N, C-alpha and C. Protein backbone atom coordinates (compact mmCIF):
# COMPACT_ATOMS: atom_id res chain seq x y z
N MET A 1 2.55 4.28 -28.35
CA MET A 1 2.60 3.17 -27.44
C MET A 1 2.20 3.60 -26.03
N VAL A 2 2.51 4.84 -25.67
CA VAL A 2 2.08 5.35 -24.37
C VAL A 2 0.55 5.43 -24.34
N ALA A 3 -0.04 5.95 -25.41
CA ALA A 3 -1.50 6.08 -25.48
C ALA A 3 -2.19 4.71 -25.43
N GLN A 4 -1.50 3.67 -25.89
CA GLN A 4 -2.07 2.32 -25.89
C GLN A 4 -1.76 1.56 -24.61
N GLY A 5 -1.07 2.22 -23.67
CA GLY A 5 -0.75 1.58 -22.41
C GLY A 5 0.41 0.60 -22.48
N LYS A 6 1.18 0.63 -23.55
CA LYS A 6 2.31 -0.29 -23.71
C LYS A 6 3.60 0.28 -23.14
N LEU A 7 3.64 1.59 -22.91
CA LEU A 7 4.78 2.26 -22.28
C LEU A 7 4.25 3.18 -21.20
N ASP A 8 5.01 3.30 -20.10
CA ASP A 8 4.62 4.22 -19.04
C ASP A 8 5.00 5.65 -19.37
N GLY A 9 6.03 5.83 -20.16
CA GLY A 9 6.49 7.17 -20.49
C GLY A 9 7.48 7.15 -21.63
N TYR A 10 7.82 8.35 -22.05
CA TYR A 10 8.73 8.51 -23.18
C TYR A 10 9.39 9.87 -23.04
N VAL A 11 10.67 9.95 -23.30
CA VAL A 11 11.40 11.21 -23.17
C VAL A 11 11.67 11.78 -24.56
N VAL A 12 11.30 13.04 -24.74
CA VAL A 12 11.51 13.73 -26.01
C VAL A 12 11.60 15.23 -25.70
N GLU A 13 12.24 15.99 -26.55
CA GLU A 13 12.30 17.45 -26.36
C GLU A 13 10.87 17.97 -26.24
N ARG A 14 10.64 18.85 -25.26
CA ARG A 14 9.28 19.26 -24.88
C ARG A 14 8.43 19.78 -26.04
N LEU A 15 8.91 20.76 -26.78
CA LEU A 15 8.08 21.33 -27.84
C LEU A 15 7.82 20.35 -28.97
N ILE A 16 8.80 19.51 -29.25
CA ILE A 16 8.59 18.47 -30.27
C ILE A 16 7.52 17.50 -29.79
N GLY A 17 7.63 17.06 -28.54
CA GLY A 17 6.65 16.14 -27.98
C GLY A 17 5.25 16.74 -27.94
N LEU A 18 5.15 18.00 -27.52
CA LEU A 18 3.84 18.65 -27.47
C LEU A 18 3.24 18.78 -28.86
N HIS A 19 4.09 19.08 -29.83
CA HIS A 19 3.62 19.17 -31.22
C HIS A 19 3.10 17.81 -31.70
N LEU A 20 3.83 16.75 -31.39
CA LEU A 20 3.40 15.41 -31.80
C LEU A 20 2.08 15.02 -31.14
N LEU A 21 1.92 15.36 -29.87
CA LEU A 21 0.64 15.09 -29.20
C LEU A 21 -0.50 15.83 -29.89
N TYR A 22 -0.25 17.09 -30.20
CA TYR A 22 -1.25 17.92 -30.87
C TYR A 22 -1.60 17.36 -32.25
N GLU A 23 -0.58 17.04 -33.03
CA GLU A 23 -0.78 16.53 -34.39
C GLU A 23 -1.52 15.20 -34.40
N ASN A 24 -1.29 14.38 -33.37
CA ASN A 24 -1.92 13.06 -33.31
C ASN A 24 -3.17 13.05 -32.44
N GLN A 25 -3.63 14.23 -32.07
CA GLN A 25 -4.85 14.40 -31.27
C GLN A 25 -4.81 13.57 -29.99
N LEU A 26 -3.68 13.65 -29.29
CA LEU A 26 -3.50 12.90 -28.05
C LEU A 26 -3.34 13.80 -26.84
N THR A 27 -3.64 15.09 -26.98
CA THR A 27 -3.44 16.02 -25.86
C THR A 27 -4.35 15.71 -24.67
N ASP A 28 -5.48 15.07 -24.90
CA ASP A 28 -6.37 14.70 -23.80
C ASP A 28 -6.02 13.33 -23.23
N VAL A 29 -5.22 12.55 -23.95
CA VAL A 29 -4.89 11.19 -23.54
C VAL A 29 -3.56 11.13 -22.79
N ILE A 30 -2.58 11.88 -23.27
CA ILE A 30 -1.23 11.86 -22.70
C ILE A 30 -0.90 13.25 -22.17
N LYS A 31 -0.45 13.31 -20.94
CA LYS A 31 -0.07 14.57 -20.31
C LYS A 31 1.44 14.61 -20.10
N PRO A 32 2.08 15.71 -20.49
CA PRO A 32 3.53 15.81 -20.29
C PRO A 32 3.87 16.01 -18.81
N SER A 33 5.01 15.50 -18.43
CA SER A 33 5.51 15.68 -17.08
C SER A 33 5.92 17.13 -16.88
N LYS A 34 5.81 17.61 -15.67
CA LYS A 34 6.27 18.97 -15.37
C LYS A 34 7.78 18.97 -15.08
N GLU A 35 8.33 17.77 -14.85
CA GLU A 35 9.76 17.65 -14.57
C GLU A 35 10.59 17.88 -15.82
N GLN A 36 11.69 18.57 -15.64
CA GLN A 36 12.64 18.76 -16.74
C GLN A 36 13.80 17.81 -16.50
N LEU A 37 13.97 16.83 -17.38
CA LEU A 37 15.00 15.83 -17.20
C LEU A 37 16.37 16.31 -17.65
N LEU A 38 16.40 17.17 -18.66
CA LEU A 38 17.67 17.61 -19.23
C LEU A 38 17.49 19.01 -19.81
N ASP A 39 18.45 19.85 -19.59
CA ASP A 39 18.41 21.20 -20.16
C ASP A 39 19.66 21.36 -21.02
N THR A 40 19.46 21.51 -22.32
CA THR A 40 20.60 21.63 -23.23
C THR A 40 20.44 22.86 -24.11
N VAL A 41 21.53 23.27 -24.68
CA VAL A 41 21.54 24.39 -25.61
C VAL A 41 21.73 23.82 -27.01
N TRP A 42 20.92 24.28 -27.94
CA TRP A 42 21.06 23.87 -29.33
C TRP A 42 21.85 24.96 -30.05
N TYR A 43 22.67 24.56 -31.01
CA TYR A 43 23.52 25.51 -31.73
C TYR A 43 23.20 25.52 -33.22
N LEU A 44 23.34 26.68 -33.80
CA LEU A 44 23.26 26.84 -35.25
C LEU A 44 24.54 27.55 -35.65
N PRO A 45 25.55 26.80 -36.10
CA PRO A 45 26.84 27.42 -36.37
C PRO A 45 26.89 28.15 -37.71
N PHE A 46 27.59 29.25 -37.71
CA PHE A 46 27.90 29.99 -38.93
C PHE A 46 29.41 30.12 -39.00
N ASN A 47 29.97 29.91 -40.18
CA ASN A 47 31.42 30.07 -40.25
C ASN A 47 31.77 31.56 -40.20
N THR A 48 33.00 31.84 -39.84
CA THR A 48 33.45 33.21 -39.61
C THR A 48 33.28 34.09 -40.84
N HIS A 49 33.65 33.58 -41.99
CA HIS A 49 33.55 34.37 -43.22
C HIS A 49 32.09 34.75 -43.49
N PHE A 50 31.18 33.78 -43.41
CA PHE A 50 29.77 34.07 -43.65
C PHE A 50 29.26 35.08 -42.63
N TYR A 51 29.62 34.88 -41.36
CA TYR A 51 29.16 35.80 -40.31
C TYR A 51 29.65 37.23 -40.57
N LYS A 52 30.91 37.37 -40.92
CA LYS A 52 31.46 38.72 -41.16
C LYS A 52 30.80 39.38 -42.36
N GLN A 53 30.46 38.59 -43.38
CA GLN A 53 29.83 39.14 -44.58
C GLN A 53 28.33 39.36 -44.41
N ASN A 54 27.72 38.69 -43.43
CA ASN A 54 26.26 38.70 -43.30
C ASN A 54 25.81 38.87 -41.85
N THR A 55 26.50 39.70 -41.10
CA THR A 55 26.19 39.86 -39.68
C THR A 55 24.73 40.20 -39.44
N HIS A 56 24.19 41.11 -40.22
CA HIS A 56 22.79 41.51 -40.05
C HIS A 56 21.85 40.33 -40.30
N LEU A 57 22.13 39.56 -41.33
CA LEU A 57 21.30 38.40 -41.65
C LEU A 57 21.35 37.36 -40.53
N VAL A 58 22.54 37.11 -40.00
CA VAL A 58 22.68 36.15 -38.91
C VAL A 58 21.87 36.61 -37.70
N GLN A 59 21.94 37.90 -37.39
CA GLN A 59 21.15 38.44 -36.27
C GLN A 59 19.65 38.28 -36.53
N GLN A 60 19.24 38.51 -37.76
CA GLN A 60 17.83 38.33 -38.11
C GLN A 60 17.39 36.88 -37.94
N ILE A 61 18.26 35.96 -38.34
CA ILE A 61 17.95 34.54 -38.20
C ILE A 61 17.72 34.20 -36.73
N TRP A 62 18.62 34.67 -35.85
CA TRP A 62 18.47 34.39 -34.42
C TRP A 62 17.19 35.03 -33.87
N GLN A 63 16.85 36.22 -34.33
CA GLN A 63 15.62 36.87 -33.88
C GLN A 63 14.39 36.08 -34.33
N GLU A 64 14.42 35.57 -35.55
CA GLU A 64 13.30 34.78 -36.05
C GLU A 64 13.18 33.45 -35.30
N ILE A 65 14.31 32.86 -34.97
CA ILE A 65 14.28 31.62 -34.17
C ILE A 65 13.67 31.91 -32.80
N ASP A 66 14.08 33.01 -32.17
CA ASP A 66 13.50 33.39 -30.87
C ASP A 66 11.99 33.57 -30.97
N LYS A 67 11.53 34.24 -32.03
CA LYS A 67 10.09 34.44 -32.23
C LYS A 67 9.37 33.11 -32.40
N ALA A 68 9.95 32.23 -33.21
CA ALA A 68 9.33 30.93 -33.46
C ALA A 68 9.24 30.11 -32.18
N ILE A 69 10.28 30.15 -31.36
CA ILE A 69 10.26 29.43 -30.09
C ILE A 69 9.14 29.96 -29.20
N GLU A 70 9.02 31.27 -29.10
CA GLU A 70 7.95 31.86 -28.28
C GLU A 70 6.57 31.48 -28.81
N GLN A 71 6.41 31.49 -30.13
CA GLN A 71 5.12 31.09 -30.71
C GLN A 71 4.79 29.64 -30.38
N LEU A 72 5.78 28.77 -30.48
CA LEU A 72 5.56 27.36 -30.16
C LEU A 72 5.24 27.17 -28.68
N LYS A 73 5.96 27.89 -27.82
CA LYS A 73 5.67 27.80 -26.39
C LYS A 73 4.25 28.25 -26.10
N ASN A 74 3.83 29.35 -26.70
CA ASN A 74 2.48 29.85 -26.49
C ASN A 74 1.43 28.88 -27.02
N LYS A 75 1.74 28.23 -28.12
CA LYS A 75 0.78 27.30 -28.73
C LYS A 75 0.65 26.01 -27.94
N TYR A 76 1.77 25.44 -27.49
CA TYR A 76 1.75 24.11 -26.90
C TYR A 76 1.90 24.06 -25.39
N ASN A 77 2.44 25.07 -24.77
CA ASN A 77 2.66 25.04 -23.32
C ASN A 77 1.48 25.61 -22.56
N LYS A 78 0.31 25.12 -22.84
CA LYS A 78 -0.88 25.58 -22.14
C LYS A 78 -1.08 24.73 -20.89
N PRO A 79 -1.44 25.37 -19.77
CA PRO A 79 -1.64 24.61 -18.52
C PRO A 79 -2.77 23.61 -18.62
């Protein structure tokens, strides 16, 4: 609707929004704002028993998430 001029703007998590623009070939039509409206932390909870039994795995999961975030930032956060 933004691309069609029916909305002036839309708020969505940055990397999700950039991915949607890319997937819908709208990166030349719609430009993301440089303003950050909200900064939140996302959580991936593990119960205590699982964490104690799989500490190394949990750490690996967090490392992979960090890598994926950096890859997405590099892919979509181009000036």
